[in-house]
Each structure stands twice: as C-alpha cells, then as structure tokens.
C-alpha cells in the first residue's frame, strides 16, 4: 500500500516536470503557452455563463414545479417490476440534468441508507457510470454553436439508461 501512497504523492509533481521537460525539448515557451491557454479558457468560461444560468434555472423549475415527481411516478411501475429500489429514482432522473444536483441526491441517499447499503452502493456506481447529458448538450454544444443535436440527445439518453440498468445489474451481481 505504501507504494501507492508514494506514487499518488508524486504524480502531480512528476506531471509538471514532464510538461516542463517536454516544453524545453521542443523549445516551447511553457509559461507563455500556459498564459495563452488560461486566457482562452477564461474567454470560453465567460461565454458559457448564459448557458449555465439557463440550465440551472431550468433544473430549478423542473424540481420545484413537481415535474420531477411526475416523471418518477410515471416510471415507478416499470422500476418496481425490474426490482429497482424506488429510492434511487430521483438520482436516475437528476443525473442527466445536473451533476451537482445528482451529487446532492446521492449524498442524501448515502447519508440516509449508509455507504455500504445496496442503495448507497448503487448511487455511487450510478454517479461514476452515468453522465450529465443535458448539461453537456447545453453547455458544450452551446459554446461551440451546435444547434442541431437531436441524435446526440438520443444517444446520450440511451447511454444514460444503459448505464443505469448496468449499474443496477452489476450492483445486484456483486453486492445484492
């Protein structure tokens, strides 16, 4: 175990050293390149703010109007039939919308049920295997000007459903 601790402590400093050495070998002004990249990143971040605000407002409206509860009630007969715990449904609905919202739901599930419970483990697996599809489409596609993302939306949601079902399957296989 000590080799992993040592390796983890030296990973970031070694990465910096490799970058500096590679820059020196290629005769790149590393600091100037870093500043230029930071400036470009800041410009992109500023352009993302309207999309981020719109997405956060939409998520708030979705939760506060009761639409999320309606979605959960609509899919609960199917999930009950498949043996999926009802407690996990808010996470399954929130995860494609918002990473921070999903993290809040997962944290609440783990605090309520415990980290070693089936629900806690399932929430943890879902956090690692699913993505924030609508957030990605809104923020990243909006930043680069993509306006027609119908197939991306379908593919992203299909991946989310597949990841959710795989999470349930493997959680039951290994911990159930």
Protein backbone atom coordinates (compact mmCIF):
# COMPACT_ATOMS: atom_id res chain seq x y z
CA UNK A 1 0.00 0.00 0.00
CA UNK A 2 2.89 2.39 0.69
CA UNK A 3 3.98 2.26 -2.96
CA UNK A 4 0.54 3.55 -3.98
CA UNK A 5 0.72 6.33 -1.41
CA UNK A 6 4.16 7.34 -2.65
CA UNK A 7 3.05 7.13 -6.27
CA UNK A 8 -0.03 9.26 -5.61
CA UNK A 9 2.05 11.91 -3.83
CA UNK A 10 4.48 12.21 -6.73
CA UNK A 11 2.00 12.04 -9.63
CA UNK A 12 1.27 15.77 -9.94
CA UNK A 13 4.88 16.97 -9.43
CA UNK A 14 6.09 14.42 -11.98
CA UNK A 15 3.41 15.54 -14.44
CA UNK A 16 4.62 19.14 -14.08
CA UNK A 17 8.21 18.01 -14.58
CA UNK A 18 7.30 16.04 -17.72
CA UNK A 19 5.44 19.04 -19.16
CA UNK A 20 8.36 21.38 -18.44
CA UNK A 21 10.92 18.96 -19.89
CA UNK A 22 8.80 18.30 -22.99
CA UNK A 23 8.40 22.04 -23.48
CA UNK A 24 12.13 22.62 -23.11
CA UNK A 25 12.96 19.84 -25.58
CA UNK A 26 10.52 21.27 -28.14
CA UNK A 27 11.70 24.82 -27.41
CA UNK A 28 8.21 25.95 -26.37
CA UNK A 29 7.84 28.94 -24.07
CA UNK A 30 5.86 26.99 -21.49
CA UNK A 31 4.82 29.96 -19.35
CA UNK A 32 3.63 31.97 -22.36
CA UNK A 33 1.71 28.96 -23.66
CA UNK A 34 0.16 28.48 -20.23
CA UNK A 35 -0.94 32.13 -20.04
CA UNK A 36 -2.38 32.00 -23.58
CA UNK A 37 -4.31 28.82 -22.69
CA UNK A 38 -5.59 30.33 -19.46
CA UNK A 39 -6.77 33.42 -21.34
CA UNK A 40 -8.58 31.27 -23.90
CA UNK A 41 -10.12 29.18 -21.10
CA UNK A 42 -11.35 32.30 -19.32
CA UNK A 43 -12.92 33.59 -22.55
CA UNK A 44 -14.72 30.29 -23.05
CA UNK A 45 -15.88 30.27 -19.42
CA UNK A 46 -17.40 33.73 -19.83
CA UNK A 47 -19.22 32.59 -22.99
CA UNK A 48 -20.62 29.59 -21.06
CA UNK A 49 -22.24 31.66 -18.31
CA UNK A 50 -25.58 32.33 -20.11
CA UNK A 51 -25.95 28.64 -20.98
CA UNK A 52 -25.10 27.62 -17.43
CA UNK A 53 -27.60 30.06 -15.92
CA UNK A 54 -30.32 28.86 -18.31
CA UNK A 55 -29.62 25.23 -17.43
CA UNK A 56 -29.65 25.88 -13.68
CA UNK A 57 -32.94 27.82 -13.93
CA UNK A 58 -34.49 25.01 -15.98
CA UNK A 59 -33.42 22.42 -13.39
CA UNK A 60 -34.85 24.54 -10.59
CA UNK A 61 -38.15 24.85 -12.42
CA UNK A 62 -38.18 21.12 -13.14
CA UNK A 63 -37.77 20.28 -9.47
CA UNK A 64 -39.94 23.00 -7.92
CA UNK A 65 -42.97 22.55 -10.18
CA UNK A 66 -43.25 18.88 -9.30
CA UNK A 67 -42.35 17.72 -12.81
CA UNK A 68 -39.59 15.53 -11.38
CA UNK A 69 -42.09 13.82 -9.08
CA UNK A 70 -44.43 13.26 -12.03
CA UNK A 71 -41.63 11.63 -14.04
CA UNK A 72 -40.70 9.41 -11.10
CA UNK A 73 -44.31 8.38 -10.56
CA UNK A 74 -44.67 7.58 -14.26
CA UNK A 75 -41.63 5.27 -14.36
CA UNK A 76 -42.03 3.70 -10.92
CA UNK A 77 -44.26 0.80 -12.13
CA UNK A 78 -41.52 -0.27 -14.54
CA UNK A 79 -38.74 0.11 -11.99
CA UNK A 80 -40.74 -1.79 -9.37
CA UNK A 81 -41.25 -4.60 -11.89
CA UNK A 82 -37.49 -4.67 -12.58
CA UNK A 83 -36.69 -4.72 -8.86
CA UNK A 84 -35.03 -1.32 -8.87
CA UNK A 85 -35.32 0.45 -5.50
CA UNK A 86 -37.63 3.45 -5.63
CA UNK A 87 -35.23 5.49 -3.52
CA UNK A 88 -32.76 5.60 -6.40
CA UNK A 89 -35.20 7.10 -8.93
CA UNK A 90 -34.55 10.75 -8.03
CA UNK A 91 -30.87 10.16 -8.76
CA UNK A 92 -31.66 8.44 -12.05
CA UNK A 93 -33.83 11.38 -13.11
CA UNK A 94 -31.48 14.11 -11.84
CA UNK A 95 -28.19 12.69 -13.15
CA UNK A 96 -28.77 13.50 -16.85
CA UNK A 97 -29.74 17.05 -15.84
CA UNK A 98 -27.20 18.24 -13.30
CA UNK A 99 -24.03 16.83 -11.81
CA UNK A 100 -24.26 18.97 -8.67
CA UNK A 101 -27.96 18.19 -8.24
CA UNK A 102 -27.25 14.49 -8.68
CA UNK A 103 -24.37 14.70 -6.21
CA UNK A 104 -26.74 16.24 -3.68
CA UNK A 105 -29.27 13.44 -4.20
CA UNK A 106 -26.52 10.77 -4.00
CA UNK A 107 -25.14 12.33 -0.81
CA UNK A 108 -28.59 12.29 0.75
CA UNK A 109 -29.12 8.65 -0.26
CA UNK A 110 -25.76 7.63 1.22
CA UNK A 111 -26.41 9.55 4.44
CA UNK A 112 -29.88 8.01 4.78
CA UNK A 113 -29.10 4.41 3.81
CA UNK A 114 -25.36 4.19 4.52
CA UNK A 115 -22.43 3.83 2.13
CA UNK A 116 -22.39 0.02 2.37
CA UNK A 117 -26.11 -0.44 1.76
CA UNK A 118 -27.41 -1.57 -1.61
CA UNK A 119 -28.88 1.89 -2.28
CA UNK A 120 -25.64 3.61 -1.24
CA UNK A 121 -23.51 1.40 -3.46
CA UNK A 122 -25.93 1.74 -6.35
CA UNK A 123 -25.90 5.53 -6.00
CA UNK A 124 -22.11 5.51 -6.03
CA UNK A 125 -21.94 3.30 -9.10
CA UNK A 126 -24.50 5.45 -10.90
CA UNK A 127 -22.51 8.60 -10.14
CA UNK A 128 -19.49 7.01 -11.82
CA UNK A 129 -21.18 5.46 -14.84
CA UNK A 130 -23.77 7.97 -15.99
CA UNK A 131 -23.29 11.44 -17.44
CA UNK A 132 -24.95 14.83 -17.29
CA UNK A 133 -26.34 14.60 -20.81
CA UNK A 134 -28.46 17.75 -20.87
CA UNK A 135 -25.72 19.75 -19.18
CA UNK A 136 -23.18 18.58 -21.77
CA UNK A 137 -25.51 19.38 -24.65
CA UNK A 138 -26.44 22.79 -23.26
CA UNK A 139 -23.04 23.99 -22.16
CA UNK A 140 -20.55 22.43 -24.54
CA UNK A 141 -22.66 22.35 -27.67
CA UNK A 142 -23.89 25.87 -26.92
CA UNK A 143 -20.33 27.12 -26.50
CA UNK A 144 -19.29 25.94 -29.95
CA UNK A 145 -22.55 26.88 -31.65
CA UNK A 146 -24.02 23.44 -32.36
CA UNK A 147 -27.78 23.93 -32.76
CA UNK A 148 -28.95 20.59 -34.17
CA UNK A 149 -28.14 17.88 -31.67
CA UNK A 150 -31.11 15.56 -31.95
CA UNK A 151 -29.04 12.40 -32.46
CA UNK A 152 -26.65 13.43 -29.70
CA UNK A 153 -29.55 13.80 -27.28
CA UNK A 154 -30.97 10.38 -28.18
CA UNK A 155 -27.55 8.74 -27.95
CA UNK A 156 -26.72 10.43 -24.65
CA UNK A 157 -30.03 9.46 -23.05
CA UNK A 158 -29.71 5.91 -24.37
CA UNK A 159 -26.24 5.74 -22.81
CA UNK A 160 -27.67 7.05 -19.52
CA UNK A 161 -30.43 4.42 -19.46
CA UNK A 162 -27.94 1.70 -20.39
CA UNK A 163 -25.56 2.85 -17.66
CA UNK A 164 -28.39 2.97 -15.13
CA UNK A 165 -29.51 -0.56 -15.95
CA UNK A 166 -25.93 -1.83 -15.98
CA UNK A 167 -25.35 -0.18 -12.60
CA UNK A 168 -28.35 -1.98 -11.15
CA UNK A 169 -27.29 -5.29 -12.71
CA UNK A 170 -23.70 -5.16 -11.51
CA UNK A 171 -24.64 -3.85 -8.10
CA UNK A 172 -27.03 -6.79 -7.69
CA UNK A 173 -24.38 -9.17 -9.06
CA UNK A 174 -21.61 -8.05 -6.73
CA UNK A 175 -23.47 -6.73 -3.68
CA UNK A 176 -27.03 -8.00 -3.91
